[in-house]
């Protein structure tokens, strides 16, 4: 758990503009996490369940417009970008978009959230 926090912190610091933004975000994010803590038991169960899913078959079933959003390969240390990007190749008509200066937490990082929503809105 501690290792993942350090990986995530490195991603977030890169996405933000300066120490002030970083500290303000860290305080707000810590409050969110405190109110809704993660459960290692549930996370383990989710990983176990995911290992039973055949994603290739599921991707072939997708008929909706799909945009696969990732952060940049370097900063995103939580989820391998190449693995997520491959969904754009597996889902017919899907399009991959790389969000600059963002990471795994791109939807909660101030300034990056707007870009994420813009790309989703273009579907």
PDB file of N, CA and C in Angstrom:
ATOM      1  N   UNK A   1       0.823  -1.190   0.000  1.00  0.00           N
ATOM      2  CA  UNK A   1       0.000   0.000   0.000  1.00  0.00           C
ATOM      3  C   UNK A   1       0.872   1.261   0.000  1.00  0.00           C
ATOM      4  N   UNK A   2       1.911   1.254   0.821  1.00  0.00           N
ATOM      5  CA  UNK A   2       2.788   2.424   0.897  1.00  0.00           C
ATOM      6  C   UNK A   2       3.482   2.681  -0.440  1.00  0.00           C
ATOM      7  N   UNK A   3       3.903   1.594  -1.124  1.00  0.00           N
ATOM      8  CA  UNK A   3       4.552   1.778  -2.430  1.00  0.00           C
ATOM      9  C   UNK A   3       3.617   2.434  -3.419  1.00  0.00           C
ATOM     10  N   UNK A   4       2.345   2.009  -3.425  1.00  0.00           N
ATOM     11  CA  UNK A   4       1.405   2.595  -4.381  1.00  0.00           C
ATOM     12  C   UNK A   4       1.177   4.074  -4.085  1.00  0.00           C
ATOM     13  N   UNK A   5       1.206   4.463  -2.806  1.00  0.00           N
ATOM     14  CA  UNK A   5       1.051   5.879  -2.468  1.00  0.00           C
ATOM     15  C   UNK A   5       2.206   6.703  -3.029  1.00  0.00           C
ATOM     16  N   UNK A   6       3.424   6.180  -2.934  1.00  0.00           N
ATOM     17  CA  UNK A   6       4.573   6.903  -3.468  1.00  0.00           C
ATOM     18  C   UNK A   6       4.511   6.987  -4.992  1.00  0.00           C
ATOM     19  N   UNK A   7       4.079   5.898  -5.660  1.00  0.00           N
ATOM     20  CA  UNK A   7       3.939   5.934  -7.118  1.00  0.00           C
ATOM     21  C   UNK A   7       2.904   6.974  -7.520  1.00  0.00           C
ATOM     22  N   UNK A   8       1.779   6.962  -6.829  1.00  0.00           N
ATOM     23  CA  UNK A   8       0.707   7.905  -7.130  1.00  0.00           C
ATOM     24  C   UNK A   8       1.144   9.337  -6.857  1.00  0.00           C
ATOM     25  N   UNK A   9       1.852   9.558  -5.771  1.00  0.00           N
ATOM     26  CA  UNK A   9       2.318  10.908  -5.442  1.00  0.00           C
ATOM     27  C   UNK A   9       3.211  11.460  -6.550  1.00  0.00           C
ATOM     28  N   UNK A  10       4.101  10.631  -7.079  1.00  0.00           N
ATOM     29  CA  UNK A  10       4.987  11.078  -8.162  1.00  0.00           C
ATOM     30  C   UNK A  10       4.180  11.481  -9.387  1.00  0.00           C
ATOM     31  N   UNK A  11       3.131  10.734  -9.696  1.00  0.00           N
ATOM     32  CA  UNK A  11       2.280  11.065 -10.838  1.00  0.00           C
ATOM     33  C   UNK A  11       1.583  12.406 -10.628  1.00  0.00           C
ATOM     34  N   UNK A  12       1.024  12.570  -9.453  1.00  0.00           N
ATOM     35  CA  UNK A  12       0.248  13.775  -9.172  1.00  0.00           C
ATOM     36  C   UNK A  12       1.139  15.017  -9.177  1.00  0.00           C
ATOM     37  N   UNK A  13       2.325  14.929  -8.569  1.00  0.00           N
ATOM     38  CA  UNK A  13       3.225  16.088  -8.541  1.00  0.00           C
ATOM     39  C   UNK A  13       3.570  16.532  -9.953  1.00  0.00           C
ATOM     40  N   UNK A  14       3.743  15.590 -10.860  1.00  0.00           N
ATOM     41  CA  UNK A  14       4.089  15.945 -12.235  1.00  0.00           C
ATOM     42  C   UNK A  14       2.920  16.643 -12.931  1.00  0.00           C
ATOM     43  N   UNK A  15       1.716  16.260 -12.596  1.00  0.00           N
ATOM     44  CA  UNK A  15       0.534  16.808 -13.263  1.00  0.00           C
ATOM     45  C   UNK A  15       0.173  18.206 -12.782  1.00  0.00           C
ATOM     46  N   UNK A  16       0.624  18.573 -11.607  1.00  0.00           N
ATOM     47  CA  UNK A  16       0.230  19.863 -11.029  1.00  0.00           C
ATOM     48  C   UNK A  16       1.254  20.946 -11.328  1.00  0.00           C
ATOM     49  N   UNK A  17       0.825  22.193 -11.139  1.00  0.00           N
ATOM     50  CA  UNK A  17       1.687  23.343 -11.400  1.00  0.00           C
ATOM     51  C   UNK A  17       2.203  23.927 -10.089  1.00  0.00           C
ATOM     52  N   UNK A  18       3.329  23.454  -9.649  1.00  0.00           N
ATOM     53  CA  UNK A  18       3.966  24.041  -8.479  1.00  0.00           C
ATOM     54  C   UNK A  18       3.606  23.383  -7.154  1.00  0.00           C
ATOM     55  N   UNK A  19       4.377  23.734  -6.147  1.00  0.00           N
ATOM     56  CA  UNK A  19       4.233  23.152  -4.819  1.00  0.00           C
ATOM     57  C   UNK A  19       2.902  23.542  -4.176  1.00  0.00           C
ATOM     58  N   UNK A  20       2.486  24.788  -4.354  1.00  0.00           N
ATOM     59  CA  UNK A  20       1.218  25.240  -3.757  1.00  0.00           C
ATOM     60  C   UNK A  20       0.035  24.432  -4.255  1.00  0.00           C
ATOM     61  N   UNK A  21      -0.035  24.238  -5.572  1.00  0.00           N
ATOM     62  CA  UNK A  21      -1.113  23.428  -6.149  1.00  0.00           C
ATOM     63  C   UNK A  21      -1.034  21.998  -5.636  1.00  0.00           C
ATOM     64  N   UNK A  22       0.192  21.490  -5.542  1.00  0.00           N
ATOM     65  CA  UNK A  22       0.382  20.118  -5.077  1.00  0.00           C
ATOM     66  C   UNK A  22      -0.080  19.920  -3.652  1.00  0.00           C
ATOM     67  N   UNK A  23       0.278  20.845  -2.786  1.00  0.00           N
ATOM     68  CA  UNK A  23      -0.126  20.728  -1.380  1.00  0.00           C
ATOM     69  C   UNK A  23      -1.642  20.880  -1.227  1.00  0.00           C
ATOM     70  N   UNK A  24      -2.224  21.825  -1.948  1.00  0.00           N
ATOM     71  CA  UNK A  24      -3.682  22.010  -1.871  1.00  0.00           C
ATOM     72  C   UNK A  24      -4.403  20.759  -2.356  1.00  0.00           C
ATOM     73  N   UNK A  25      -3.923  20.194  -3.476  1.00  0.00           N
ATOM     74  CA  UNK A  25      -4.544  18.978  -3.973  1.00  0.00           C
ATOM     75  C   UNK A  25      -4.378  17.835  -2.980  1.00  0.00           C
ATOM     76  N   UNK A  26      -3.182  17.701  -2.411  1.00  0.00           N
ATOM     77  CA  UNK A  26      -2.913  16.610  -1.468  1.00  0.00           C
ATOM     78  C   UNK A  26      -3.866  16.669  -0.275  1.00  0.00           C
ATOM     79  N   UNK A  27      -4.116  17.864   0.237  1.00  0.00           N
ATOM     80  CA  UNK A  27      -5.025  18.009   1.379  1.00  0.00           C
ATOM     81  C   UNK A  27      -6.446  17.606   0.981  1.00  0.00           C
ATOM     82  N   UNK A  28      -6.920  18.096  -0.169  1.00  0.00           N
ATOM     83  CA  UNK A  28      -8.284  17.748  -0.617  1.00  0.00           C
ATOM     84  C   UNK A  28      -8.408  16.256  -0.903  1.00  0.00           C
ATOM     85  N   UNK A  29      -7.399  15.702  -1.545  1.00  0.00           N
ATOM     86  CA  UNK A  29      -7.449  14.269  -1.888  1.00  0.00           C
ATOM     87  C   UNK A  29      -7.370  13.414  -0.624  1.00  0.00           C
ATOM     88  N   UNK A  30      -6.552  13.811   0.325  1.00  0.00           N
ATOM     89  CA  UNK A  30      -6.466  13.068   1.593  1.00  0.00           C
ATOM     90  C   UNK A  30      -7.820  13.076   2.303  1.00  0.00           C
ATOM     91  N   UNK A  31      -8.524  14.192   2.253  1.00  0.00           N
ATOM     92  CA  UNK A  31      -9.857  14.266   2.859  1.00  0.00           C
ATOM     93  C   UNK A  31     -10.815  13.311   2.154  1.00  0.00           C
ATOM     94  N   UNK A  32     -10.757  13.262   0.808  1.00  0.00           N
ATOM     95  CA  UNK A  32     -11.619  12.330   0.065  1.00  0.00           C
ATOM     96  C   UNK A  32     -11.313  10.896   0.441  1.00  0.00           C
ATOM     97  N   UNK A  33     -10.043  10.559   0.482  1.00  0.00           N
ATOM     98  CA  UNK A  33      -9.639   9.189   0.791  1.00  0.00           C
ATOM     99  C   UNK A  33     -10.023   8.821   2.218  1.00  0.00           C
ATOM    100  N   UNK A  34      -9.915   9.779   3.132  1.00  0.00           N
ATOM    101  CA  UNK A  34     -10.294   9.529   4.527  1.00  0.00           C
ATOM    102  C   UNK A  34     -11.791   9.263   4.644  1.00  0.00           C
ATOM    103  N   UNK A  35     -12.585  10.023   3.889  1.00  0.00           N
ATOM    104  CA  UNK A  35     -14.047   9.823   3.922  1.00  0.00           C
ATOM    105  C   UNK A  35     -14.455   8.519   3.245  1.00  0.00           C
ATOM    106  N   UNK A  36     -13.696   8.096   2.258  1.00  0.00           N
ATOM    107  CA  UNK A  36     -14.030   6.884   1.499  1.00  0.00           C
ATOM    108  C   UNK A  36     -12.774   6.020   1.348  1.00  0.00           C
ATOM    109  N   UNK A  37     -12.343   5.413   2.430  1.00  0.00           N
ATOM    110  CA  UNK A  37     -11.088   4.643   2.368  1.00  0.00           C
ATOM    111  C   UNK A  37     -11.215   3.408   1.474  1.00  0.00           C
ATOM    112  N   UNK A  38     -10.075   3.021   0.896  1.00  0.00           N
ATOM    113  CA  UNK A  38     -10.080   1.810   0.084  1.00  0.00           C
ATOM    114  C   UNK A  38     -10.035   0.596   1.004  1.00  0.00           C
ATOM    115  N   UNK A  39     -10.477  -0.505   0.485  1.00  0.00           N
ATOM    116  CA  UNK A  39     -10.493  -1.749   1.238  1.00  0.00           C
ATOM    117  C   UNK A  39      -9.552  -2.741   0.568  1.00  0.00           C
ATOM    118  N   UNK A  40      -8.430  -3.067   1.218  1.00  0.00           N
ATOM    119  CA  UNK A  40      -7.527  -4.057   0.624  1.00  0.00           C
ATOM    120  C   UNK A  40      -8.227  -5.384   0.325  1.00  0.00           C
ATOM    121  N   UNK A  41      -9.187  -5.762   1.152  1.00  0.00           N
ATOM    122  CA  UNK A  41      -9.919  -7.011   0.919  1.00  0.00           C
ATOM    123  C   UNK A  41     -10.713  -6.905  -0.379  1.00  0.00           C
ATOM    124  N   UNK A  42     -11.414  -5.799  -0.558  1.00  0.00           N
ATOM    125  CA  UNK A  42     -12.199  -5.608  -1.790  1.00  0.00           C
ATOM    126  C   UNK A  42     -11.305  -5.462  -3.008  1.00  0.00           C
ATOM    127  N   UNK A  43     -10.172  -4.792  -2.844  1.00  0.00           N
ATOM    128  CA  UNK A  43      -9.243  -4.638  -3.972  1.00  0.00           C
ATOM    129  C   UNK A  43      -8.708  -6.001  -4.398  1.00  0.00           C
ATOM    130  N   UNK A  44      -8.385  -6.842  -3.432  1.00  0.00           N
ATOM    131  CA  UNK A  44      -7.894  -8.189  -3.731  1.00  0.00           C
ATOM    132  C   UNK A  44      -8.966  -8.995  -4.445  1.00  0.00           C
ATOM    133  N   UNK A  45     -10.197  -8.883  -3.986  1.00  0.00           N
ATOM    134  CA  UNK A  45     -11.302  -9.592  -4.616  1.00  0.00           C
ATOM    135  C   UNK A  45     -11.520  -9.099  -6.053  1.00  0.00           C
ATOM    136  N   UNK A  46     -11.385  -7.803  -6.251  1.00  0.00           N
ATOM    137  CA  UNK A  46     -11.556  -7.247  -7.594  1.00  0.00           C
ATOM    138  C   UNK A  46     -10.488  -7.786  -8.543  1.00  0.00           C
ATOM    139  N   UNK A  47      -9.255  -7.848  -8.082  1.00  0.00           N
ATOM    140  CA  UNK A  47      -8.181  -8.395  -8.916  1.00  0.00           C
ATOM    141  C   UNK A  47      -8.468  -9.854  -9.235  1.00  0.00           C
ATOM    142  N   UNK A  48      -8.934 -10.598  -8.241  1.00  0.00           N
ATOM    143  CA  UNK A  48      -9.258 -12.007  -8.466  1.00  0.00           C
ATOM    144  C   UNK A  48     -10.368 -12.146  -9.497  1.00  0.00           C
ATOM    145  N   UNK A  49     -11.413 -11.352  -9.364  1.00  0.00           N
ATOM    146  CA  UNK A  49     -12.523 -11.411 -10.314  1.00  0.00           C
ATOM    147  C   UNK A  49     -12.077 -11.008 -11.723  1.00  0.00           C
ATOM    148  N   UNK A  50     -11.225 -10.011 -11.810  1.00  0.00           N
ATOM    149  CA  UNK A  50     -10.751  -9.574 -13.126  1.00  0.00           C
ATOM    150  C   UNK A  50      -9.954 -10.665 -13.829  1.00  0.00           C
ATOM    151  N   UNK A  51      -9.307 -11.514 -13.065  1.00  0.00           N
ATOM    152  CA  UNK A  51      -8.518 -12.583 -13.683  1.00  0.00           C
ATOM    153  C   UNK A  51      -9.406 -13.648 -14.322  1.00  0.00           C
ATOM    154  N   UNK A  52     -10.706 -13.616 -14.034  1.00  0.00           N
ATOM    155  CA  UNK A  52     -11.627 -14.590 -14.611  1.00  0.00           C
ATOM    156  C   UNK A  52     -12.332 -14.062 -15.860  1.00  0.00           C
ATOM    157  N   UNK A  53     -12.135 -12.792 -16.175  1.00  0.00           N
ATOM    158  CA  UNK A  53     -12.821 -12.172 -17.303  1.00  0.00           C
ATOM    159  C   UNK A  53     -11.963 -12.284 -18.570  1.00  0.00           C
ATOM    160  N   UNK A  54     -12.607 -12.619 -19.674  1.00  0.00           N
ATOM    161  CA  UNK A  54     -11.922 -12.664 -20.971  1.00  0.00           C
ATOM    162  C   UNK A  54     -12.208 -11.330 -21.665  1.00  0.00           C
ATOM    163  N   UNK A  55     -11.302 -10.396 -21.479  1.00  0.00           N
ATOM    164  CA  UNK A  55     -11.529  -9.051 -21.989  1.00  0.00           C
ATOM    165  C   UNK A  55     -11.599  -8.999 -23.510  1.00  0.00           C
ATOM    166  N   UNK A  56     -10.872  -9.855 -24.180  1.00  0.00           N
ATOM    167  CA  UNK A  56     -10.915  -9.877 -25.651  1.00  0.00           C
ATOM    168  C   UNK A  56     -12.351 -10.077 -26.133  1.00  0.00           C
ATOM    169  N   UNK A  57     -13.029 -11.054 -25.568  1.00  0.00           N
ATOM    170  CA  UNK A  57     -14.408 -11.345 -25.974  1.00  0.00           C
ATOM    171  C   UNK A  57     -15.327 -10.177 -25.627  1.00  0.00           C
ATOM    172  N   UNK A  58     -15.138  -9.596 -24.442  1.00  0.00           N
ATOM    173  CA  UNK A  58     -15.971  -8.461 -24.045  1.00  0.00           C
ATOM    174  C   UNK A  58     -15.761  -7.265 -24.964  1.00  0.00           C
ATOM    175  N   UNK A  59     -14.526  -7.022 -25.362  1.00  0.00           N
ATOM    176  CA  UNK A  59     -14.236  -5.894 -26.256  1.00  0.00           C
ATOM    177  C   UNK A  59     -14.941  -6.056 -27.590  1.00  0.00           C
ATOM    178  N   UNK A  60     -15.024  -7.266 -28.089  1.00  0.00           N
ATOM    179  CA  UNK A  60     -15.703  -7.506 -29.374  1.00  0.00           C
ATOM    180  C   UNK A  60     -17.205  -7.234 -29.276  1.00  0.00           C
ATOM    181  N   UNK A  61     -17.756  -7.248 -28.068  1.00  0.00           N
ATOM    182  CA  UNK A  61     -19.191  -7.021 -27.873  1.00  0.00           C
ATOM    183  C   UNK A  61     -19.557  -5.534 -27.797  1.00  0.00           C
ATOM    184  N   UNK A  62     -18.577  -4.664 -27.615  1.00  0.00           N
ATOM    185  CA  UNK A  62     -18.859  -3.237 -27.446  1.00  0.00           C
ATOM    186  C   UNK A  62     -19.342  -2.646 -28.766  1.00  0.00           C
ATOM    187  N   UNK A  63     -20.518  -2.017 -28.723  1.00  0.00           N
ATOM    188  CA  UNK A  63     -21.091  -1.417 -29.918  1.00  0.00           C
ATOM    189  C   UNK A  63     -21.192   0.106 -29.781  1.00  0.00           C
ATOM    190  N   UNK A  64     -20.933   0.636 -28.613  1.00  0.00           N
ATOM    191  CA  UNK A  64     -21.050   2.072 -28.364  1.00  0.00           C
ATOM    192  C   UNK A  64     -19.782   2.801 -28.787  1.00  0.00           C
ATOM    193  N   UNK A  65     -19.934   4.088 -29.075  1.00  0.00           N
ATOM    194  CA  UNK A  65     -18.761   4.919 -29.354  1.00  0.00           C
ATOM    195  C   UNK A  65     -17.842   4.843 -28.139  1.00  0.00           C
ATOM    196  N   UNK A  66     -16.561   4.657 -28.395  1.00  0.00           N
ATOM    197  CA  UNK A  66     -15.626   4.442 -27.293  1.00  0.00           C
ATOM    198  C   UNK A  66     -14.384   5.290 -27.464  1.00  0.00           C
ATOM    199  N   UNK A  67     -14.015   5.962 -26.401  1.00  0.00           N
ATOM    200  CA  UNK A  67     -12.768   6.705 -26.359  1.00  0.00           C
ATOM    201  C   UNK A  67     -11.965   6.147 -25.198  1.00  0.00           C
ATOM    202  N   UNK A  68     -10.749   5.702 -25.482  1.00  0.00           N
ATOM    203  CA  UNK A  68      -9.867   5.147 -24.452  1.00  0.00           C
ATOM    204  C   UNK A  68      -8.895   6.245 -24.049  1.00  0.00           C
ATOM    205  N   UNK A  69      -9.003   6.720 -22.807  1.00  0.00           N
ATOM    206  CA  UNK A  69      -8.167   7.802 -22.314  1.00  0.00           C
ATOM    207  C   UNK A  69      -7.065   7.246 -21.430  1.00  0.00           C
ATOM    208  N   UNK A  70      -5.846   7.710 -21.657  1.00  0.00           N
ATOM    209  CA  UNK A  70      -4.733   7.354 -20.791  1.00  0.00           C
ATOM    210  C   UNK A  70      -3.931   8.601 -20.481  1.00  0.00           C
ATOM    211  N   UNK A  71      -3.122   8.494 -19.441  1.00  0.00           N
ATOM    212  CA  UNK A  71      -2.122   9.516 -19.182  1.00  0.00           C
ATOM    213  C   UNK A  71      -0.918   9.223 -20.043  1.00  0.00           C
ATOM    214  N   UNK A  72       0.125   9.985 -19.851  1.00  0.00           N
ATOM    215  CA  UNK A  72       1.365   9.755 -20.579  1.00  0.00           C
ATOM    216  C   UNK A  72       2.046   8.508 -20.020  1.00  0.00           C
ATOM    217  N   UNK A  73       2.736   7.746 -20.872  1.00  0.00           N
ATOM    218  CA  UNK A  73       3.359   6.504 -20.409  1.00  0.00           C
ATOM    219  C   UNK A  73       4.329   6.668 -19.245  1.00  0.00           C
ATOM    220  N   UNK A  74       5.139   7.717 -19.238  1.00  0.00           N
ATOM    221  CA  UNK A  74       6.125   7.894 -18.167  1.00  0.00           C
ATOM    222  C   UNK A  74       5.512   8.143 -16.800  1.00  0.00           C
ATOM    223  N   UNK A  75       4.649   9.155 -16.693  1.00  0.00           N
ATOM    224  CA  UNK A  75       4.108   9.495 -15.378  1.00  0.00           C
ATOM    225  C   UNK A  75       3.139   8.456 -14.796  1.00  0.00           C
ATOM    226  N   UNK A  76       2.384   7.757 -15.647  1.00  0.00           N
ATOM    227  CA  UNK A  76       1.391   6.816 -15.114  1.00  0.00           C
ATOM    228  C   UNK A  76       2.097   5.541 -14.681  1.00  0.00           C
ATOM    229  N   UNK A  77       2.275   5.397 -13.382  1.00  0.00           N
ATOM    230  CA  UNK A  77       2.989   4.253 -12.824  1.00  0.00           C
ATOM    231  C   UNK A  77       2.043   3.245 -12.172  1.00  0.00           C
ATOM    232  N   UNK A  78       0.762   3.546 -12.154  1.00  0.00           N
ATOM    233  CA  UNK A  78      -0.192   2.661 -11.484  1.00  0.00           C
ATOM    234  C   UNK A  78      -0.724   1.609 -12.445  1.00  0.00           C
ATOM    235  N   UNK A  79      -1.159   2.050 -13.619  1.00  0.00           N
ATOM    236  CA  UNK A  79      -1.705   1.149 -14.629  1.00  0.00           C
ATOM    237  C   UNK A  79      -0.849   1.269 -15.886  1.00  0.00           C
ATOM    238  N   UNK A  80      -0.343   0.154 -16.429  1.00  0.00           N
ATOM    239  CA  UNK A  80       0.478   0.248 -17.641  1.00  0.00           C
ATOM    240  C   UNK A  80      -0.305   0.854 -18.808  1.00  0.00           C
ATOM    241  N   UNK A  81       0.165   1.978 -19.323  1.00  0.00           N
ATOM    242  CA  UNK A  81      -0.523   2.697 -20.390  1.00  0.00           C
ATOM    243  C   UNK A  81      -0.693   1.824 -21.630  1.00  0.00           C
ATOM    244  N   UNK A  82       0.341   1.066 -21.986  1.00  0.00           N
ATOM    245  CA  UNK A  82       0.233   0.208 -23.178  1.00  0.00           C
ATOM    246  C   UNK A  82      -0.893  -0.804 -23.046  1.00  0.00           C
ATOM    247  N   UNK A  83      -1.093  -1.303 -21.839  1.00  0.00           N
ATOM    248  CA  UNK A  83      -2.176  -2.264 -21.613  1.00  0.00           C
ATOM    249  C   UNK A  83      -3.535  -1.612 -21.819  1.00  0.00           C
ATOM    250  N   UNK A  84      -3.711  -0.411 -21.306  1.00  0.00           N
ATOM    251  CA  UNK A  84      -4.987   0.296 -21.467  1.00  0.00           C
ATOM    252  C   UNK A  84      -5.168   0.726 -22.922  1.00  0.00           C
ATOM    253  N   UNK A  85      -4.099   1.206 -23.541  1.00  0.00           N
ATOM    254  CA  UNK A  85      -4.161   1.647 -24.938  1.00  0.00           C
ATOM    255  C   UNK A  85      -4.615   0.505 -25.853  1.00  0.00           C
ATOM    256  N   UNK A  86      -4.278  -0.714 -25.513  1.00  0.00           N
ATOM    257  CA  UNK A  86      -4.635  -1.860 -26.355  1.00  0.00           C
ATOM    258  C   UNK A  86      -6.152  -2.035 -26.486  1.00  0.00           C
ATOM    259  N   UNK A  87      -6.917  -1.486 -25.547  1.00  0.00           N
ATOM    260  CA  UNK A  87      -8.377  -1.578 -25.674  1.00  0.00           C
ATOM    261  C   UNK A  87      -8.860  -0.839 -26.921  1.00  0.00           C
ATOM    262  N   UNK A  88      -8.179   0.233 -27.298  1.00  0.00           N
ATOM    263  CA  UNK A  88      -8.574   0.972 -28.504  1.00  0.00           C
ATOM    264  C   UNK A  88      -8.403   0.108 -29.743  1.00  0.00           C
ATOM    265  N   UNK A  89      -7.468  -0.823 -29.713  1.00  0.00           N
ATOM    266  CA  UNK A  89      -7.276  -1.730 -30.840  1.00  0.00           C
ATOM    267  C   UNK A  89      -8.282  -2.882 -30.812  1.00  0.00           C
ATOM    268  N   UNK A  90      -8.726  -3.244 -29.636  1.00  0.00           N
ATOM    269  CA  UNK A  90      -9.634  -4.387 -29.482  1.00  0.00           C
ATOM    270  C   UNK A  90     -11.099  -4.020 -29.688  1.00  0.00           C
ATOM    271  N   UNK A  91     -11.449  -2.765 -29.447  1.00  0.00           N
ATOM    272  CA  UNK A  91     -12.847  -2.329 -29.561  1.00  0.00           C
ATOM    273  C   UNK A  91     -13.023  -1.662 -30.920  1.00  0.00           C
ATOM    274  N   UNK A  92     -13.928  -2.205 -31.718  1.00  0.00           N
ATOM    275  CA  UNK A  92     -14.165  -1.705 -33.069  1.00  0.00           C
ATOM    276  C   UNK A  92     -14.540  -0.214 -33.033  1.00  0.00           C
ATOM    277  N   UNK A  93     -13.782   0.585 -33.786  1.00  0.00           N
ATOM    278  CA  UNK A  93     -14.065   2.015 -33.903  1.00  0.00           C
ATOM    279  C   UNK A  93     -13.591   2.856 -32.732  1.00  0.00           C
ATOM    280  N   UNK A  94     -12.965   2.258 -31.748  1.00  0.00           N
ATOM    281  CA  UNK A  94     -12.508   3.024 -30.592  1.00  0.00           C
ATOM    282  C   UNK A  94     -11.345   3.928 -30.970  1.00  0.00           C
ATOM    283  N   UNK A  95     -11.208   4.988 -30.231  1.00  0.00           N
ATOM    284  CA  UNK A  95     -10.129   5.937 -30.453  1.00  0.00           C
ATOM    285  C   UNK A  95      -9.361   6.140 -29.161  1.00  0.00           C
ATOM    286  N   UNK A  96      -8.041   6.152 -29.240  1.00  0.00           N
ATOM    287  CA  UNK A  96      -7.198   6.385 -28.068  1.00  0.00           C
ATOM    288  C   UNK A  96      -6.783   7.847 -28.007  1.00  0.00           C
ATOM    289  N   UNK A  97      -6.825   8.426 -26.809  1.00  0.00           N
ATOM    290  CA  UNK A  97      -6.376   9.800 -26.588  1.00  0.00           C
ATOM    291  C   UNK A  97      -5.438   9.796 -25.387  1.00  0.00           C
ATOM    292  N   UNK A  98      -4.269  10.421 -25.550  1.00  0.00           N
ATOM    293  CA  UNK A  98      -3.337  10.590 -24.442  1.00  0.00           C
ATOM    294  C   UNK A  98      -3.545  11.975 -23.851  1.00  0.00           C
ATOM    295  N   UNK A  99      -3.823  12.030 -22.565  1.00  0.00           N
ATOM    296  CA  UNK A  99      -3.988  13.308 -21.876  1.00  0.00           C
ATOM    297  C   UNK A  99      -2.614  13.751 -21.382  1.00  0.00           C
ATOM    298  N   UNK A 100      -2.155  14.897 -21.850  1.00  0.00           N
ATOM    299  CA  UNK A 100      -0.823  15.385 -21.486  1.00  0.00           C
ATOM    300  C   UNK A 100      -0.760  15.776 -20.016  1.00  0.00           C
ATOM    301  N   UNK A 101       0.417  15.542 -19.451  1.00  0.00           N
ATOM    302  CA  UNK A 101       0.694  15.893 -18.060  1.00  0.00           C
ATOM    303  C   UNK A 101      -0.363  15.362 -17.095  1.00  0.00           C
ATOM    304  N   UNK A 102      -0.814  14.173 -17.364  1.00  0.00           N
ATOM    305  CA  UNK A 102      -1.755  13.573 -16.436  1.00  0.00           C
ATOM    306  C   UNK A 102      -1.330  12.141 -16.162  1.00  0.00           C
ATOM    307  N   UNK A 103      -2.119  11.488 -15.363  1.00  0.00           N
ATOM    308  CA  UNK A 103      -1.714  10.189 -14.855  1.00  0.00           C
ATOM    309  C   UNK A 103      -2.950   9.356 -14.558  1.00  0.00           C
ATOM    310  N   UNK A 104      -2.779   8.353 -13.746  1.00  0.00           N
ATOM    311  CA  UNK A 104      -3.862   7.463 -13.347  1.00  0.00           C
ATOM    312  C   UNK A 104      -5.018   8.241 -12.699  1.00  0.00           C
ATOM    313  N   UNK A 105      -4.702   9.285 -11.995  1.00  0.00           N
ATOM    314  CA  UNK A 105      -5.705  10.085 -11.286  1.00  0.00           C
ATOM    315  C   UNK A 105      -6.123  11.321 -12.079  1.00  0.00           C
ATOM    316  N   UNK A 106      -6.057  11.255 -13.391  1.00  0.00           N
ATOM    317  CA  UNK A 106      -6.353  12.410 -14.225  1.00  0.00           C
ATOM    318  C   UNK A 106      -7.728  13.004 -14.025  1.00  0.00           C
ATOM    319  N   UNK A 107      -8.675  12.204 -13.592  1.00  0.00           N
ATOM    320  CA  UNK A 107     -10.030  12.731 -13.428  1.00  0.00           C
ATOM    321  C   UNK A 107     -10.199  13.536 -12.147  1.00  0.00           C
ATOM    322  N   UNK A 108      -9.259  13.457 -11.215  1.00  0.00           N
ATOM    323  CA  UNK A 108      -9.401  14.214  -9.972  1.00  0.00           C
ATOM    324  C   UNK A 108      -8.371  15.321  -9.832  1.00  0.00           C
ATOM    325  N   UNK A 109      -7.390  15.375 -10.732  1.00  0.00           N
ATOM    326  CA  UNK A 109      -6.356  16.393 -10.656  1.00  0.00           C
ATOM    327  C   UNK A 109      -6.880  17.693 -11.261  1.00  0.00           C
ATOM    328  N   UNK A 110      -6.885  18.783 -10.479  1.00  0.00           N
ATOM    329  CA  UNK A 110      -7.386  20.064 -11.001  1.00  0.00           C
ATOM    330  C   UNK A 110      -6.663  20.443 -12.286  1.00  0.00           C
ATOM    331  N   UNK A 111      -7.393  21.007 -13.226  1.00  0.00           N
ATOM    332  CA  UNK A 111      -6.810  21.406 -14.498  1.00  0.00           C
ATOM    333  C   UNK A 111      -6.805  20.279 -15.519  1.00  0.00           C
ATOM    334  N   UNK A 112      -6.732  19.058 -15.082  1.00  0.00           N
ATOM    335  CA  UNK A 112      -6.738  17.904 -15.988  1.00  0.00           C
ATOM    336  C   UNK A 112      -8.152  17.338 -16.113  1.00  0.00           C
ATOM    337  N   UNK A 113      -8.934  17.530 -15.092  1.00  0.00           N
ATOM    338  CA  UNK A 113     -10.312  17.030 -15.072  1.00  0.00           C
ATOM    339  C   UNK A 113     -11.096  17.594 -16.251  1.00  0.00           C
ATOM    340  N   UNK A 114     -10.922  18.874 -16.530  1.00  0.00           N
ATOM    341  CA  UNK A 114     -11.651  19.527 -17.636  1.00  0.00           C
ATOM    342  C   UNK A 114     -11.325  18.870 -18.972  1.00  0.00           C
ATOM    343  N   UNK A 115     -10.044  18.579 -19.224  1.00  0.00           N
ATOM    344  CA  UNK A 115      -9.650  17.922 -20.475  1.00  0.00           C
ATOM    345  C   UNK A 115     -10.281  16.543 -20.580  1.00  0.00           C
ATOM    346  N   UNK A 116     -10.319  15.821 -19.476  1.00  0.00           N
ATOM    347  CA  UNK A 116     -10.923  14.486 -19.467  1.00  0.00           C
ATOM    348  C   UNK A 116     -12.399  14.598 -19.874  1.00  0.00           C
ATOM    349  N   UNK A 117     -13.099  15.524 -19.269  1.00  0.00           N
ATOM    350  CA  UNK A 117     -14.526  15.705 -19.562  1.00  0.00           C
ATOM    351  C   UNK A 117     -14.728  16.157 -20.998  1.00  0.00           C
ATOM    352  N   UNK A 118     -13.857  17.016 -21.523  1.00  0.00           N
ATOM    353  CA  UNK A 118     -13.976  17.454 -22.917  1.00  0.00           C
ATOM    354  C   UNK A 118     -13.884  16.281 -23.872  1.00  0.00           C
ATOM    355  N   UNK A 119     -12.955  15.374 -23.620  1.00  0.00           N
ATOM    356  CA  UNK A 119     -12.801  14.209 -24.509  1.00  0.00           C
ATOM    357  C   UNK A 119     -13.997  13.277 -24.408  1.00  0.00           C
ATOM    358  N   UNK A 120     -14.514  13.104 -23.229  1.00  0.00           N
ATOM    359  CA  UNK A 120     -15.686  12.250 -23.063  1.00  0.00           C
ATOM    360  C   UNK A 120     -16.888  12.891 -23.757  1.00  0.00           C
ATOM    361  N   UNK A 121     -17.016  14.201 -23.634  1.00  0.00           N
ATOM    362  CA  UNK A 121     -18.128  14.920 -24.248  1.00  0.00           C
ATOM    363  C   UNK A 121     -18.129  14.885 -25.766  1.00  0.00           C
ATOM    364  N   UNK A 122     -16.986  14.623 -26.386  1.00  0.00           N
ATOM    365  CA  UNK A 122     -16.902  14.585 -27.843  1.00  0.00           C
ATOM    366  C   UNK A 122     -17.406  13.273 -28.431  1.00  0.00           C
ATOM    367  N   UNK A 123     -17.735  12.331 -27.608  1.00  0.00           N
ATOM    368  CA  UNK A 123     -18.202  11.045 -28.133  1.00  0.00           C
ATOM    369  C   UNK A 123     -19.513  11.181 -28.869  1.00  0.00           C
TER     370      UNK A 123
END
